[in-house]
Protein backbone atom coordinates (compact mmCIF):
# COMPACT_ATOMS: atom_id res chain seq x y z
CA UNK A 1 312.45 91.84 -219.88
CA UNK A 2 313.64 88.15 -219.97
CA UNK A 3 312.84 85.58 -217.28
CA UNK A 4 317.03 84.99 -216.98
CA UNK A 5 317.39 88.42 -216.13
CA UNK A 6 314.57 88.67 -213.53
CA UNK A 7 316.01 85.54 -211.87
CA UNK A 8 319.43 86.62 -212.01
CA UNK A 9 318.82 90.22 -210.96
CA UNK A 10 317.01 89.06 -207.94
CA UNK A 11 319.68 86.73 -206.86
CA UNK A 12 322.35 90.15 -207.38
CA UNK A 13 319.68 91.88 -204.90
CA UNK A 14 319.77 89.30 -201.99
CA UNK A 15 323.41 88.69 -202.23
CA UNK A 16 324.66 92.59 -203.17
CA UNK A 17 323.20 95.04 -200.66
CA UNK A 18 323.31 94.42 -196.53
CA UNK A 19 320.53 97.15 -196.69
CA UNK A 20 317.87 94.30 -198.11
CA UNK A 21 316.25 92.40 -195.51
CA UNK A 22 315.64 88.73 -195.62
CA UNK A 23 315.93 88.51 -199.45
CA UNK A 24 313.08 91.60 -199.87
CA UNK A 25 313.43 94.46 -202.26
CA UNK A 26 314.17 97.79 -201.44
CA UNK A 27 311.23 98.42 -199.52
CA UNK A 28 313.06 97.01 -196.62
CA UNK A 29 315.85 99.08 -196.47
CA UNK A 30 316.60 100.04 -192.36
CA UNK A 31 316.27 103.26 -191.61
CA UNK A 32 319.98 104.76 -190.18
CA UNK A 33 321.08 107.55 -187.70
CA UNK A 34 323.06 110.50 -189.33
CA UNK A 35 325.68 110.24 -186.99
CA UNK A 36 325.76 106.57 -188.28
CA UNK A 37 325.87 107.69 -191.90
CA UNK A 38 328.50 110.14 -191.75
CA UNK A 39 330.74 107.78 -189.85
CA UNK A 40 330.48 104.63 -191.76
CA UNK A 41 330.37 105.75 -195.26
CA UNK A 42 333.65 106.37 -197.13
CA UNK A 43 333.23 109.28 -199.17
CA UNK A 44 330.91 112.66 -198.46
CA UNK A 45 330.93 115.17 -201.42
CA UNK A 46 329.25 117.91 -202.67
CA UNK A 47 328.67 117.89 -206.48
CA UNK A 48 326.57 118.07 -209.58
CA UNK A 49 325.36 115.11 -212.09
CA UNK A 50 326.59 115.39 -215.45
CA UNK A 51 326.38 112.17 -217.29
CA UNK A 52 324.24 108.90 -217.18
CA UNK A 53 324.76 106.10 -218.99
CA UNK A 54 322.95 102.45 -218.63
CA UNK A 55 324.95 99.87 -219.71
CA UNK A 56 324.46 95.99 -219.66
CA UNK A 57 326.32 93.42 -218.09
CA UNK A 58 328.54 91.30 -220.57
CA UNK A 59 326.77 88.07 -219.25
CA UNK A 60 323.39 89.69 -219.89
CA UNK A 61 322.52 89.30 -216.21
CA UNK A 62 321.58 92.72 -215.22
CA UNK A 63 321.79 96.62 -215.76
CA UNK A 64 323.15 99.21 -214.26
CA UNK A 65 323.01 102.74 -215.01
CA UNK A 66 326.13 104.78 -214.01
CA UNK A 67 326.36 108.36 -212.76
CA UNK A 68 329.05 110.91 -213.41
CA UNK A 69 328.97 113.25 -210.75
CA UNK A 70 331.47 116.93 -211.24
CA UNK A 71 333.02 116.76 -207.76
CA UNK A 72 332.67 120.76 -206.28
CA UNK A 73 333.85 119.88 -202.80
CA UNK A 74 334.89 117.05 -200.86
CA UNK A 75 333.36 116.62 -196.88
CA UNK A 76 335.08 113.39 -196.07
CA UNK A 77 337.50 110.76 -197.72
CA UNK A 78 339.71 111.74 -200.89
CA UNK A 79 339.58 110.95 -204.53
CA UNK A 80 342.44 110.84 -207.39
CA UNK A 81 339.81 113.15 -209.66
CA UNK A 82 337.65 115.72 -210.17
CA UNK A 83 334.46 113.32 -211.10
CA UNK A 84 333.45 110.19 -210.00
CA UNK A 85 331.24 107.42 -211.67
CA UNK A 86 328.76 105.77 -209.43
CA UNK A 87 326.41 102.58 -210.10
CA UNK A 88 322.89 102.01 -209.75
CA UNK A 89 321.36 98.33 -210.35
CA UNK A 90 318.32 98.94 -212.78
CA UNK A 91 318.01 100.88 -216.08
CA UNK A 92 317.06 100.62 -219.71
CA UNK A 93 318.94 99.38 -222.97
CA UNK A 94 317.55 98.57 -225.97
CA UNK A 95 314.28 96.80 -225.30
CA UNK A 96 315.59 95.06 -221.67
CA UNK A 97 314.56 97.08 -218.78
CA UNK A 98 315.25 96.54 -215.04
CA UNK A 99 313.47 98.50 -212.17
CA UNK A 100 314.34 97.97 -209.09
CA UNK A 101 311.88 98.91 -205.67
CA UNK A 102 312.33 101.86 -204.62
CA UNK A 103 315.44 102.50 -206.21
CA UNK A 104 315.44 106.31 -207.36
CA UNK A 105 318.25 107.88 -209.56
CA UNK A 106 319.47 111.04 -209.51
CA UNK A 107 318.41 113.64 -212.07
CA UNK A 108 320.70 115.23 -214.68
CA UNK A 109 322.11 118.16 -213.53
CA UNK A 110 320.98 118.23 -209.90
CA UNK A 111 323.24 119.11 -207.20
CA UNK A 112 323.70 117.92 -204.26
CA UNK A 113 325.37 116.16 -201.20
CA UNK A 114 326.22 112.62 -201.62
CA UNK A 115 327.18 110.33 -198.96
CA UNK A 116 328.85 107.20 -200.71
CA UNK A 117 329.12 104.36 -198.75
CA UNK A 118 332.18 101.97 -200.34
CA UNK A 119 334.38 103.13 -203.38
CA UNK A 120 335.76 100.08 -204.08
CA UNK A 121 332.88 98.04 -203.72
CA UNK A 122 329.50 98.10 -206.50
CA UNK A 123 326.42 97.74 -204.49
CA UNK A 124 322.67 97.87 -205.56
CA UNK A 125 322.78 101.40 -204.65
CA UNK A 126 326.03 103.54 -203.86
CA UNK A 127 324.53 105.87 -201.27
CA UNK A 128 324.72 104.82 -197.71
CA UNK A 129 321.11 103.99 -196.56
CA UNK A 130 319.86 104.39 -199.79
CA UNK A 131 318.14 107.77 -200.30
CA UNK A 132 319.00 108.51 -196.96
CA UNK A 133 322.42 109.49 -197.98
CA UNK A 134 321.12 111.60 -201.00
CA UNK A 135 320.63 115.36 -200.39
CA UNK A 136 319.81 117.57 -202.97
CA UNK A 137 320.80 121.28 -203.41
CA UNK A 138 318.24 123.93 -204.71
CA UNK A 139 317.55 127.71 -204.93
CA UNK A 140 314.32 129.03 -202.98
CA UNK A 141 312.30 131.79 -204.82
CA UNK A 142 314.11 134.10 -202.93
CA UNK A 143 317.48 133.37 -204.32
CA UNK A 144 319.40 131.49 -201.34
CA UNK A 145 320.36 128.09 -201.88
CA UNK A 146 318.68 125.02 -199.57
CA UNK A 147 319.69 121.64 -198.79
CA UNK A 148 316.53 119.16 -199.23
CA UNK A 149 315.82 115.44 -198.46
CA UNK A 150 316.06 113.30 -201.95
CA UNK A 151 312.10 113.60 -201.56
CA UNK A 152 312.89 117.28 -202.18
CA UNK A 153 311.62 118.19 -198.34
CA UNK A 154 313.75 121.40 -196.44
CA UNK A 155 315.99 120.37 -194.09
CA UNK A 156 315.54 122.94 -191.01
CA UNK A 157 318.17 121.15 -188.22
CA UNK A 158 320.30 118.30 -187.67
CA UNK A 159 320.98 116.01 -184.81
CA UNK A 160 323.77 113.50 -184.87
CA UNK A 161 323.17 112.13 -181.23
CA UNK A 162 319.64 110.25 -181.96
CA UNK A 163 319.67 106.58 -180.24
CA UNK A 164 319.72 103.50 -182.55
CA UNK A 165 317.04 101.78 -180.57
CA UNK A 166 314.23 104.33 -182.29
CA UNK A 167 315.30 103.25 -185.70
CA UNK A 168 312.93 100.64 -188.07
CA UNK A 169 312.64 100.80 -191.90
CA UNK A 170 313.33 103.43 -193.78
CA UNK A 171 311.11 106.43 -194.91
CA UNK A 172 313.69 107.77 -197.08
CA UNK A 173 315.05 110.03 -194.23
CA UNK A 174 317.83 109.61 -191.74
CA UNK A 175 316.73 109.84 -187.96
CA UNK A 176 318.12 113.16 -186.74
CA UNK A 177 317.43 115.24 -190.18
CA UNK A 178 314.57 116.95 -189.09
CA UNK A 179 312.41 118.61 -191.72
CA UNK A 180 309.82 121.49 -192.27
CA UNK A 181 307.66 122.00 -195.42
CA UNK A 182 306.52 125.49 -194.04
CA UNK A 183 308.21 128.80 -195.04
CA UNK A 184 310.72 127.82 -192.33
CA UNK A 185 314.33 128.43 -193.25
CA UNK A 186 316.15 125.66 -194.24
CA UNK A 187 320.04 124.95 -193.94
CA UNK A 188 321.94 126.49 -196.24
CA UNK A 189 324.65 124.00 -198.05
CA UNK A 190 327.45 125.45 -195.87
CA UNK A 191 325.55 125.05 -192.85
CA UNK A 192 325.00 121.71 -193.38
CA UNK A 193 328.28 120.79 -194.43
CA UNK A 194 329.80 122.59 -191.16
CA UNK A 195 327.29 120.61 -189.07
CA UNK A 196 328.51 117.59 -190.80
CA UNK A 197 332.46 118.36 -190.21
CA UNK A 198 330.95 118.82 -186.44
CA UNK A 199 329.96 115.65 -186.28
CA UNK A 200 333.39 114.52 -187.94
CA UNK A 201 335.38 116.25 -185.23
CA UNK A 202 333.58 114.60 -182.63
CA UNK A 203 334.40 110.72 -184.01
CA UNK A 204 337.48 111.82 -185.22
CA UNK A 205 337.41 111.48 -188.68
CA UNK A 206 337.62 115.49 -189.60
CA UNK A 207 338.87 116.19 -192.54
């Protein structure tokens, strides 16, 4: 990657993302609560990744990777189409590569539940709280679908009442998300979405 591309990308990181603290890279993303994430995300949906493409900006200052999601169900907000394209900073075009620390792209073909912070403003990472707003849906060996964190940890409960005073820097999991890596039953997509809608009703944002 050229020196010019590195320098301009650093400027983009500093000025484009409210999640970066003091100009640091993604390792300084702040932790959020589930309630904050549900309340402040403009669009929350269940979907599946059907396409990915990396593109170099016209001025060659940065690379973004664009993922197209097929929308299966809208949980919050509205969207005029059955698919949505979301942009992530970073990727590879030809012999140029841009890697953002702690940036985890969706995987081709994955299914999940996604919290989109803003539909009109392009950001370094489109999901609220980065990995915190990125949940996976996978089928267990027993045949049931469960919801996992982006890092693949099974979610067993959601508590939307966690205090913001407990927040620090993110570990990739929002406060209020309970995880268990043992054989305990995880939340199904239906159970997970029902909990989200309960919180939306509490805050007056129900669909």
